[in-house]
Amino acid sequence: MRSLLCVPASQPKMVEKALTLDCDQIILDLEDSVTPADKVAARTYLKDFLSKVETKKRISLRVNELSSTFANADIDLICGFNPQPLSSVILPKIHSLDDVNSWAAKLPTNTQLEVQIESAMGLINAPQIASHPQVISLAFGPADFMASAGMPSSNPGTPWPEAANALQWPLMQVVIAAHAHAKTAYDGPYFQITDDAGLSTSARTARALGVDGKWVIHPNQIALVNEAFTPSPAEIAHAKEIIAAFNASSGATNLDGLMIDEASKKVAERLLERVTQIRK
């Protein structure tokens, strides 16, 4: 996965347009991007849309947090489908393994769950959350996390210049927790929609930290995120050289002044596996 496009379920034209875009996953949002007054109509639309949609893209539904007055209606919507059209359910504001267990008990058996880590408590408990057998990914939510951690911000999800790189540490903790349990790790959205340079930097930094993909909130962000998370031809060629050099050695070798060992080979193989997944 590279780009995950989050679209308001209250905007049918945006939802249907998403099917034509080059994102890898569509997240139909019933939470923050839908006002309380629009949630009933959004569910009604989704009931019809999801019963008819045909696409090879992953389609997920982000529900309202379990403590809200809207969660039960979201659960009824999901449980009402047979067969189930959703690839997964996105759980926002998860703080503990108990939160995941509560959701799992209310949703259809074996529903794949994708968890947003958006609070200080959620970050502390991220390894336990990732251990749940139905959880397939963790996603970092920068804006809500900053609010939880008391970090001031002039723009959503963006720390002050004095702490410009402050979110790299919690993002890395999410990556470690997810990958320790063989789950996928995603970065949250970049909110400055017209700032292409900032988005590209954010996405490339996330990939450098081991993140597998990034949420986007506007169609114009998809191409830049896909580019950042797609290994370049030069990366692919270098990875193949490393593997070939190691396989031709007795356990370690020198490639243009770079020591190649088993760890080097594993990194190269991981990159080529990513290329294969993207091409699929």
C-alpha atoms as a PDB file:
ATOM      1  CA  MET A   1       0.000   0.000   0.000  1.00  0.00           C
ATOM      2  CA  ARG A   2       1.098   3.547  -0.712  1.00  0.00           C
ATOM      3  CA  SER A   3      -1.784   6.036  -0.664  1.00  0.00           C
ATOM      4  CA  LEU A   4      -4.994   5.690   1.351  1.00  0.00           C
ATOM      5  CA  LEU A   5      -7.589   8.279   0.309  1.00  0.00           C
ATOM      6  CA  CYS A   6      -9.972   9.342   3.067  1.00  0.00           C
ATOM      7  CA  VAL A   7     -13.263  10.715   1.699  1.00  0.00           C
ATOM      8  CA  PRO A   8     -16.349  11.963   3.579  1.00  0.00           C
ATOM      9  CA  ALA A   9     -19.203   9.479   3.293  1.00  0.00           C
ATOM     10  CA  SER A  10     -21.534  12.464   3.138  1.00  0.00           C
ATOM     11  CA  GLN A  11     -20.155  13.454  -0.284  1.00  0.00           C
ATOM     12  CA  PRO A  12     -21.375  10.889  -2.853  1.00  0.00           C
ATOM     13  CA  LYS A  13     -19.633  12.565  -5.807  1.00  0.00           C
ATOM     14  CA  MET A  14     -16.303  12.443  -3.988  1.00  0.00           C
ATOM     15  CA  VAL A  15     -16.837   8.798  -3.037  1.00  0.00           C
ATOM     16  CA  GLU A  16     -17.624   7.774  -6.605  1.00  0.00           C
ATOM     17  CA  LYS A  17     -14.724   9.806  -7.997  1.00  0.00           C
ATOM     18  CA  ALA A  18     -12.377   8.002  -5.618  1.00  0.00           C
ATOM     19  CA  LEU A  19     -13.056   4.761  -7.501  1.00  0.00           C
ATOM     20  CA  THR A  20     -11.389   6.285 -10.581  1.00  0.00           C
ATOM     21  CA  LEU A  21      -8.267   7.572  -8.825  1.00  0.00           C
ATOM     22  CA  ASP A  22      -4.835   5.954  -8.420  1.00  0.00           C
ATOM     23  CA  CYS A  23      -5.084   5.468  -4.662  1.00  0.00           C
ATOM     24  CA  ASP A  24      -4.499   1.969  -3.268  1.00  0.00           C
ATOM     25  CA  GLN A  25      -7.253   2.119  -0.655  1.00  0.00           C
ATOM     26  CA  ILE A  26     -10.417   4.162  -0.191  1.00  0.00           C
ATOM     27  CA  ILE A  27     -11.421   5.075   3.350  1.00  0.00           C
ATOM     28  CA  LEU A  28     -15.092   6.010   3.587  1.00  0.00           C
ATOM     29  CA  ASP A  29     -15.246   8.326   6.574  1.00  0.00           C
ATOM     30  CA  LEU A  30     -18.206   8.526   8.928  1.00  0.00           C
ATOM     31  CA  GLU A  31     -16.191  10.210  11.675  1.00  0.00           C
ATOM     32  CA  ASP A  32     -14.510  13.631  11.744  1.00  0.00           C
ATOM     33  CA  SER A  33     -15.267  14.741   8.174  1.00  0.00           C
ATOM     34  CA  VAL A  34     -19.032  14.180   8.529  1.00  0.00           C
ATOM     35  CA  THR A  35     -21.064  16.576  10.674  1.00  0.00           C
ATOM     36  CA  PRO A  36     -23.521  15.095  13.201  1.00  0.00           C
ATOM     37  CA  ALA A  37     -26.414  16.409  11.128  1.00  0.00           C
ATOM     38  CA  ASP A  38     -25.173  14.518   8.037  1.00  0.00           C
ATOM     39  CA  LYS A  39     -24.329  11.140   9.563  1.00  0.00           C
ATOM     40  CA  VAL A  40     -27.741   9.510   9.056  1.00  0.00           C
ATOM     41  CA  ALA A  41     -27.876  10.499   5.385  1.00  0.00           C
ATOM     42  CA  ALA A  42     -24.273   9.353   4.915  1.00  0.00           C
ATOM     43  CA  ARG A  43     -25.085   5.888   6.282  1.00  0.00           C
ATOM     44  CA  THR A  44     -28.141   5.646   4.056  1.00  0.00           C
ATOM     45  CA  TYR A  45     -26.000   6.463   1.027  1.00  0.00           C
ATOM     46  CA  LEU A  46     -23.297   3.972   2.049  1.00  0.00           C
ATOM     47  CA  LYS A  47     -25.833   1.186   2.500  1.00  0.00           C
ATOM     48  CA  ASP A  48     -26.840   1.568  -1.144  1.00  0.00           C
ATOM     49  CA  PHE A  49     -23.350   2.310  -2.492  1.00  0.00           C
ATOM     50  CA  LEU A  50     -21.631  -0.616  -0.793  1.00  0.00           C
ATOM     51  CA  SER A  51     -24.336  -3.064  -1.845  1.00  0.00           C
ATOM     52  CA  LYS A  52     -23.634  -2.272  -5.522  1.00  0.00           C
ATOM     53  CA  VAL A  53     -19.974  -1.213  -5.800  1.00  0.00           C
ATOM     54  CA  GLU A  54     -17.582  -3.318  -7.866  1.00  0.00           C
ATOM     55  CA  THR A  55     -13.891  -2.481  -7.629  1.00  0.00           C
ATOM     56  CA  LYS A  56     -10.516  -4.117  -7.081  1.00  0.00           C
ATOM     57  CA  LYS A  57      -9.528  -1.380  -4.643  1.00  0.00           C
ATOM     58  CA  ARG A  58      -9.610  -1.984  -0.913  1.00  0.00           C
ATOM     59  CA  ILE A  59     -12.597  -0.174   0.574  1.00  0.00           C
ATOM     60  CA  SER A  60     -12.666   0.523   4.293  1.00  0.00           C
ATOM     61  CA  LEU A  61     -15.070   2.310   6.595  1.00  0.00           C
ATOM     62  CA  ARG A  62     -13.917   4.635   9.365  1.00  0.00           C
ATOM     63  CA  VAL A  63     -16.491   4.500  12.131  1.00  0.00           C
ATOM     64  CA  ASN A  64     -17.192   6.910  14.959  1.00  0.00           C
ATOM     65  CA  GLU A  65     -15.411   6.185  18.237  1.00  0.00           C
ATOM     66  CA  LEU A  66     -17.151   3.608  20.401  1.00  0.00           C
ATOM     67  CA  SER A  67     -17.983   6.051  23.194  1.00  0.00           C
ATOM     68  CA  SER A  68     -19.928   8.338  20.825  1.00  0.00           C
ATOM     69  CA  THR A  69     -23.676   8.322  20.289  1.00  0.00           C
ATOM     70  CA  PHE A  70     -23.110   7.422  16.620  1.00  0.00           C
ATOM     71  CA  ALA A  71     -21.193   4.159  17.016  1.00  0.00           C
ATOM     72  CA  ASN A  72     -24.165   1.798  17.351  1.00  0.00           C
ATOM     73  CA  ALA A  73     -25.646   2.965  14.057  1.00  0.00           C
ATOM     74  CA  ASP A  74     -22.256   2.447  12.389  1.00  0.00           C
ATOM     75  CA  ILE A  75     -22.114  -1.077  13.798  1.00  0.00           C
ATOM     76  CA  ASP A  76     -25.647  -1.823  12.553  1.00  0.00           C
ATOM     77  CA  LEU A  77     -24.622  -0.641   9.075  1.00  0.00           C
ATOM     78  CA  ILE A  78     -21.602  -2.956   8.955  1.00  0.00           C
ATOM     79  CA  CYS A  79     -23.436  -5.957  10.398  1.00  0.00           C
ATOM     80  CA  GLY A  80     -26.283  -5.507   7.912  1.00  0.00           C
ATOM     81  CA  PHE A  81     -24.232  -6.563   4.885  1.00  0.00           C
ATOM     82  CA  ASN A  82     -24.165 -10.143   3.617  1.00  0.00           C
ATOM     83  CA  PRO A  83     -21.783 -10.687   1.965  1.00  0.00           C
ATOM     84  CA  GLN A  84     -19.519  -8.096   3.584  1.00  0.00           C
ATOM     85  CA  PRO A  85     -18.291  -5.547   0.990  1.00  0.00           C
ATOM     86  CA  LEU A  86     -15.713  -3.899   3.251  1.00  0.00           C
ATOM     87  CA  SER A  87     -12.056  -4.903   3.256  1.00  0.00           C
ATOM     88  CA  SER A  88     -11.641  -3.551   6.781  1.00  0.00           C
ATOM     89  CA  VAL A  89     -13.014  -1.259   9.459  1.00  0.00           C
ATOM     90  CA  ILE A  90     -10.950   1.732  10.579  1.00  0.00           C
ATOM     91  CA  LEU A  91     -11.101   2.277  14.351  1.00  0.00           C
ATOM     92  CA  PRO A  92     -10.326   5.855  15.463  1.00  0.00           C
ATOM     93  CA  LYS A  93      -9.027   6.999  18.834  1.00  0.00           C
ATOM     94  CA  ILE A  94      -8.043   3.583  20.139  1.00  0.00           C
ATOM     95  CA  HIS A  95      -6.273   3.866  23.497  1.00  0.00           C
ATOM     96  CA  SER A  96      -5.885   0.252  24.616  1.00  0.00           C
ATOM     97  CA  LEU A  97      -6.244  -3.410  23.737  1.00  0.00           C
ATOM     98  CA  ASP A  98      -9.553  -3.383  25.646  1.00  0.00           C
ATOM     99  CA  ASP A  99     -10.869  -0.835  23.129  1.00  0.00           C
ATOM    100  CA  VAL A 100     -10.019  -3.202  20.277  1.00  0.00           C
ATOM    101  CA  ASN A 101     -11.622  -6.146  22.069  1.00  0.00           C
ATOM    102  CA  SER A 102     -14.801  -4.128  22.586  1.00  0.00           C
ATOM    103  CA  TRP A 103     -15.032  -3.331  18.889  1.00  0.00           C
ATOM    104  CA  ALA A 104     -14.198  -6.890  17.809  1.00  0.00           C
ATOM    105  CA  ALA A 105     -17.024  -8.229  19.975  1.00  0.00           C
ATOM    106  CA  LYS A 106     -19.564  -5.973  18.246  1.00  0.00           C
ATOM    107  CA  LEU A 107     -18.503  -6.476  14.620  1.00  0.00           C
ATOM    108  CA  PRO A 108     -18.871  -9.537  12.357  1.00  0.00           C
ATOM    109  CA  THR A 109     -16.495 -12.368  13.200  1.00  0.00           C
ATOM    110  CA  ASN A 110     -12.986 -11.992  11.791  1.00  0.00           C
ATOM    111  CA  THR A 111     -13.521  -8.411  10.579  1.00  0.00           C
ATOM    112  CA  GLN A 112     -10.131  -6.966   9.682  1.00  0.00           C
ATOM    113  CA  LEU A 113      -9.408  -3.970  11.909  1.00  0.00           C
ATOM    114  CA  GLU A 114      -7.151  -1.009  11.146  1.00  0.00           C
ATOM    115  CA  VAL A 115      -6.369   1.041  14.220  1.00  0.00           C
ATOM    116  CA  GLN A 116      -5.579   4.731  14.506  1.00  0.00           C
ATOM    117  CA  ILE A 117      -3.066   5.642  17.209  1.00  0.00           C
ATOM    118  CA  GLU A 118      -4.071   9.209  18.069  1.00  0.00           C
ATOM    119  CA  SER A 119      -3.298   9.699  21.756  1.00  0.00           C
ATOM    120  CA  ALA A 120      -0.471   9.464  24.259  1.00  0.00           C
ATOM    121  CA  MET A 121      -2.155   6.451  25.875  1.00  0.00           C
ATOM    122  CA  GLY A 122      -2.666   4.816  22.496  1.00  0.00           C
ATOM    123  CA  LEU A 123       1.023   5.215  21.731  1.00  0.00           C
ATOM    124  CA  ILE A 124       2.052   3.685  25.052  1.00  0.00           C
ATOM    125  CA  ASN A 125      -0.219   0.706  24.371  1.00  0.00           C
ATOM    126  CA  ALA A 126       0.548   0.404  20.650  1.00  0.00           C
ATOM    127  CA  PRO A 127       2.499  -2.893  20.958  1.00  0.00           C
ATOM    128  CA  GLN A 128      -0.403  -4.565  22.784  1.00  0.00           C
ATOM    129  CA  ILE A 129      -2.924  -3.119  20.318  1.00  0.00           C
ATOM    130  CA  ALA A 130      -0.903  -4.449  17.369  1.00  0.00           C
ATOM    131  CA  SER A 131      -0.853  -7.921  18.924  1.00  0.00           C
ATOM    132  CA  HIS A 132      -4.620  -8.395  18.449  1.00  0.00           C
ATOM    133  CA  PRO A 133      -5.145 -11.076  15.785  1.00  0.00           C
ATOM    134  CA  GLN A 134      -7.767  -9.060  13.889  1.00  0.00           C
ATOM    135  CA  VAL A 135      -5.657  -5.885  13.745  1.00  0.00           C
ATOM    136  CA  ILE A 136      -3.895  -5.680  10.384  1.00  0.00           C
ATOM    137  CA  SER A 137      -2.448  -2.168  10.619  1.00  0.00           C
ATOM    138  CA  LEU A 138      -1.687   0.816  12.821  1.00  0.00           C
ATOM    139  CA  ALA A 139      -2.005   4.387  11.541  1.00  0.00           C
ATOM    140  CA  PHE A 140      -0.540   7.430  13.278  1.00  0.00           C
ATOM    141  CA  GLY A 141      -2.942  10.358  13.711  1.00  0.00           C
ATOM    142  CA  PRO A 142      -0.758  13.474  14.048  1.00  0.00           C
ATOM    143  CA  ALA A 143      -3.346  16.152  14.792  1.00  0.00           C
ATOM    144  CA  ASP A 144      -5.192  14.329  17.575  1.00  0.00           C
ATOM    145  CA  PHE A 145      -1.909  13.023  18.964  1.00  0.00           C
ATOM    146  CA  MET A 146      -0.560  16.560  19.251  1.00  0.00           C
ATOM    147  CA  ALA A 147      -3.674  17.618  21.130  1.00  0.00           C
ATOM    148  CA  SER A 148      -3.333  14.630  23.458  1.00  0.00           C
ATOM    149  CA  ALA A 149       0.349  15.339  24.100  1.00  0.00           C
ATOM    150  CA  GLY A 150      -0.216  19.071  24.656  1.00  0.00           C
ATOM    151  CA  MET A 151       1.866  20.109  21.643  1.00  0.00           C
ATOM    152  CA  PRO A 152       1.043  23.612  20.340  1.00  0.00           C
ATOM    153  CA  SER A 153       0.482  24.020  16.600  1.00  0.00           C
ATOM    154  CA  SER A 154      -0.303  26.776  14.141  1.00  0.00           C
ATOM    155  CA  ASN A 155      -1.500  24.227  11.561  1.00  0.00           C
ATOM    156  CA  PRO A 156      -3.186  20.843  12.193  1.00  0.00           C
ATOM    157  CA  GLY A 157      -0.642  18.076  12.587  1.00  0.00           C
ATOM    158  CA  THR A 158       2.353  20.410  12.225  1.00  0.00           C
ATOM    159  CA  PRO A 159       4.547  21.239  15.249  1.00  0.00           C
ATOM    160  CA  TRP A 160       6.070  24.650  15.791  1.00  0.00           C
ATOM    161  CA  PRO A 161       9.387  25.248  13.942  1.00  0.00           C
ATOM    162  CA  GLU A 162      11.229  24.871  17.254  1.00  0.00           C
ATOM    163  CA  ALA A 163      10.108  21.209  17.307  1.00  0.00           C
ATOM    164  CA  ALA A 164       9.843  20.575  13.572  1.00  0.00           C
ATOM    165  CA  ASN A 165      10.854  16.909  13.802  1.00  0.00           C
ATOM    166  CA  ALA A 166       9.032  16.104  17.032  1.00  0.00           C
ATOM    167  CA  LEU A 167       6.491  13.765  15.429  1.00  0.00           C
ATOM    168  CA  GLN A 168       9.145  11.459  14.009  1.00  0.00           C
ATOM    169  CA  TRP A 169       9.618   9.793  17.402  1.00  0.00           C
ATOM    170  CA  PRO A 170       5.952   8.784  17.981  1.00  0.00           C
ATOM    171  CA  LEU A 171       5.619   7.800  14.308  1.00  0.00           C
ATOM    172  CA  MET A 172       8.644   5.534  14.686  1.00  0.00           C
ATOM    173  CA  GLN A 173       7.073   3.953  17.780  1.00  0.00           C
ATOM    174  CA  VAL A 174       3.968   3.132  15.747  1.00  0.00           C
ATOM    175  CA  VAL A 175       6.161   1.569  13.035  1.00  0.00           C
ATOM    176  CA  ILE A 176       8.061  -0.531  15.580  1.00  0.00           C
ATOM    177  CA  ALA A 177       4.860  -1.718  17.295  1.00  0.00           C
ATOM    178  CA  ALA A 178       3.218  -2.635  14.002  1.00  0.00           C
ATOM    179  CA  HIS A 179       6.193  -4.357  12.416  1.00  0.00           C
ATOM    180  CA  ALA A 180       7.036  -6.258  15.603  1.00  0.00           C
ATOM    181  CA  HIS A 181       3.721  -8.060  15.101  1.00  0.00           C
ATOM    182  CA  ALA A 182       4.032  -8.307  11.293  1.00  0.00           C
ATOM    183  CA  LYS A 183       1.376  -5.628  10.794  1.00  0.00           C
ATOM    184  CA  THR A 184       1.380  -2.640   8.429  1.00  0.00           C
ATOM    185  CA  ALA A 185       2.183   0.916   9.562  1.00  0.00           C
ATOM    186  CA  TYR A 186       0.682   4.056   8.023  1.00  0.00           C
ATOM    187  CA  ASP A 187       1.344   7.743   8.506  1.00  0.00           C
ATOM    188  CA  GLY A 188      -1.566  10.120   8.891  1.00  0.00           C
ATOM    189  CA  PRO A 189      -2.523  12.880   6.456  1.00  0.00           C
ATOM    190  CA  TYR A 190      -0.651  16.057   5.604  1.00  0.00           C
ATOM    191  CA  PHE A 191      -3.223  18.802   6.068  1.00  0.00           C
ATOM    192  CA  GLN A 192      -1.699  21.606   3.963  1.00  0.00           C
ATOM    193  CA  ILE A 193      -3.343  20.553   0.698  1.00  0.00           C
ATOM    194  CA  THR A 194      -1.572  23.049  -1.592  1.00  0.00           C
ATOM    195  CA  ASP A 195       1.912  22.519  -0.105  1.00  0.00           C
ATOM    196  CA  ASP A 196       3.354  19.932  -2.489  1.00  0.00           C
ATOM    197  CA  ALA A 197       6.910  20.341  -1.231  1.00  0.00           C
ATOM    198  CA  GLY A 198       5.822  19.834   2.371  1.00  0.00           C
ATOM    199  CA  LEU A 199       3.757  16.773   1.454  1.00  0.00           C
ATOM    200  CA  SER A 200       6.632  15.218  -0.474  1.00  0.00           C
ATOM    201  CA  THR A 201       9.014  15.787   2.429  1.00  0.00           C
ATOM    202  CA  SER A 202       6.496  14.364   4.900  1.00  0.00           C
ATOM    203  CA  ALA A 203       5.917  11.255   2.790  1.00  0.00           C
ATOM    204  CA  ARG A 204       9.611  10.631   2.087  1.00  0.00           C
ATOM    205  CA  THR A 205      10.457  11.072   5.772  1.00  0.00           C
ATOM    206  CA  ALA A 206       7.734   8.595   6.711  1.00  0.00           C
ATOM    207  CA  ARG A 207       9.058   6.035   4.252  1.00  0.00           C
ATOM    208  CA  ALA A 208      12.583   6.569   5.582  1.00  0.00           C
ATOM    209  CA  LEU A 209      11.249   5.667   9.047  1.00  0.00           C
ATOM    210  CA  GLY A 210       9.826   2.375   7.758  1.00  0.00           C
ATOM    211  CA  VAL A 211       6.237   3.480   7.181  1.00  0.00           C
ATOM    212  CA  ASP A 212       4.366   1.452   4.548  1.00  0.00           C
ATOM    213  CA  GLY A 213       2.029   4.152   3.216  1.00  0.00           C
ATOM    214  CA  LYS A 214       0.273   7.415   3.992  1.00  0.00           C
ATOM    215  CA  TRP A 215      -3.262   8.720   4.306  1.00  0.00           C
ATOM    216  CA  VAL A 216      -4.257  11.473   1.866  1.00  0.00           C
ATOM    217  CA  ILE A 217      -7.224  13.817   2.088  1.00  0.00           C
ATOM    218  CA  HIS A 218      -7.269  15.288  -1.433  1.00  0.00           C
ATOM    219  CA  PRO A 219      -6.930  13.686  -4.886  1.00  0.00           C
ATOM    220  CA  ASN A 220      -4.046  16.022  -5.731  1.00  0.00           C
ATOM    221  CA  GLN A 221      -1.974  14.415  -2.965  1.00  0.00           C
ATOM    222  CA  ILE A 222      -2.163  10.881  -4.366  1.00  0.00           C
ATOM    223  CA  ALA A 223       0.535  11.101  -7.050  1.00  0.00           C
ATOM    224  CA  LEU A 224       3.155  12.624  -4.741  1.00  0.00           C
ATOM    225  CA  VAL A 225       2.537  10.036  -2.033  1.00  0.00           C
ATOM    226  CA  ASN A 226       2.613   7.181  -4.540  1.00  0.00           C
ATOM    227  CA  GLU A 227       5.903   8.501  -5.892  1.00  0.00           C
ATOM    228  CA  ALA A 228       7.435   8.776  -2.424  1.00  0.00           C
ATOM    229  CA  PHE A 229       6.472   5.219  -1.458  1.00  0.00           C
ATOM    230  CA  THR A 230       7.368   3.588  -4.781  1.00  0.00           C
ATOM    231  CA  PRO A 231      11.003   2.412  -5.005  1.00  0.00           C
ATOM    232  CA  SER A 232      12.803   4.119  -7.884  1.00  0.00           C
ATOM    233  CA  PRO A 233      14.459   2.206 -10.746  1.00  0.00           C
ATOM    234  CA  ALA A 234      17.828   3.042  -9.198  1.00  0.00           C
ATOM    235  CA  GLU A 235      16.746   1.597  -5.831  1.00  0.00           C
ATOM    236  CA  ILE A 236      15.490  -1.561  -7.497  1.00  0.00           C
ATOM    237  CA  ALA A 237      18.691  -2.016  -9.507  1.00  0.00           C
ATOM    238  CA  HIS A 238      20.848  -1.477  -6.413  1.00  0.00           C
ATOM    239  CA  ALA A 239      18.799  -3.963  -4.401  1.00  0.00           C
ATOM    240  CA  LYS A 240      19.282  -6.596  -7.101  1.00  0.00           C
ATOM    241  CA  GLU A 241      23.050  -5.891  -7.131  1.00  0.00           C
ATOM    242  CA  ILE A 242      23.226  -6.371  -3.361  1.00  0.00           C
ATOM    243  CA  ILE A 243      21.382  -9.698  -3.494  1.00  0.00           C
ATOM    244  CA  ALA A 244      23.485 -10.947  -6.406  1.00  0.00           C
ATOM    245  CA  ALA A 245      26.713  -9.914  -4.673  1.00  0.00           C
ATOM    246  CA  PHE A 246      25.735 -11.638  -1.436  1.00  0.00           C
ATOM    247  CA  ASN A 247      24.615 -14.817  -3.188  1.00  0.00           C
ATOM    248  CA  ALA A 248      27.950 -14.975  -4.988  1.00  0.00           C
ATOM    249  CA  SER A 249      29.902 -14.578  -1.742  1.00  0.00           C
ATOM    250  CA  SER A 250      30.722 -16.875   1.148  1.00  0.00           C
ATOM    251  CA  GLY A 251      28.729 -14.809   3.627  1.00  0.00           C
ATOM    252  CA  ALA A 252      29.971 -11.238   3.273  1.00  0.00           C
ATOM    253  CA  THR A 253      31.479  -9.225   0.436  1.00  0.00           C
ATOM    254  CA  ASN A 254      32.415  -5.775  -0.836  1.00  0.00           C
ATOM    255  CA  LEU A 255      30.236  -3.964  -3.375  1.00  0.00           C
ATOM    256  CA  ASP A 256      31.797  -0.702  -4.559  1.00  0.00           C
ATOM    257  CA  GLY A 257      33.163  -0.057  -1.074  1.00  0.00           C
ATOM    258  CA  LEU A 258      29.987  -1.138   0.712  1.00  0.00           C
ATOM    259  CA  MET A 259      30.091  -4.175   2.959  1.00  0.00           C
ATOM    260  CA  ILE A 260      27.313  -6.602   2.020  1.00  0.00           C
ATOM    261  CA  ASP A 261      26.100  -9.157   4.577  1.00  0.00           C
ATOM    262  CA  GLU A 262      22.937 -11.043   5.501  1.00  0.00           C
ATOM    263  CA  ALA A 263      21.303  -7.899   6.929  1.00  0.00           C
ATOM    264  CA  SER A 264      22.014  -5.991   3.708  1.00  0.00           C
ATOM    265  CA  LYS A 265      20.404  -8.785   1.721  1.00  0.00           C
ATOM    266  CA  LYS A 266      17.270  -8.744   3.899  1.00  0.00           C
ATOM    267  CA  VAL A 267      16.821  -4.991   3.386  1.00  0.00           C
ATOM    268  CA  ALA A 268      17.201  -5.430  -0.363  1.00  0.00           C
ATOM    269  CA  GLU A 269      14.750  -8.337  -0.438  1.00  0.00           C
ATOM    270  CA  ARG A 270      12.203  -6.309   1.536  1.00  0.00           C
ATOM    271  CA  LEU A 271      12.424  -3.533  -1.058  1.00  0.00           C
ATOM    272  CA  LEU A 272      11.873  -5.962  -3.940  1.00  0.00           C
ATOM    273  CA  GLU A 273       8.921  -7.522  -2.091  1.00  0.00           C
ATOM    274  CA  ARG A 274       7.422  -4.038  -1.850  1.00  0.00           C
ATOM    275  CA  VAL A 275       7.854  -3.555  -5.596  1.00  0.00           C
ATOM    276  CA  THR A 276       6.056  -6.839  -6.235  1.00  0.00           C
ATOM    277  CA  GLN A 277       3.155  -5.842  -3.977  1.00  0.00           C
ATOM    278  CA  ILE A 278       2.810  -2.460  -5.690  1.00  0.00           C
ATOM    279  CA  ARG A 279       2.776  -4.050  -9.148  1.00  0.00           C
ATOM    280  CA  LYS A 280       0.041  -6.440  -8.045  1.00  0.00           C
END
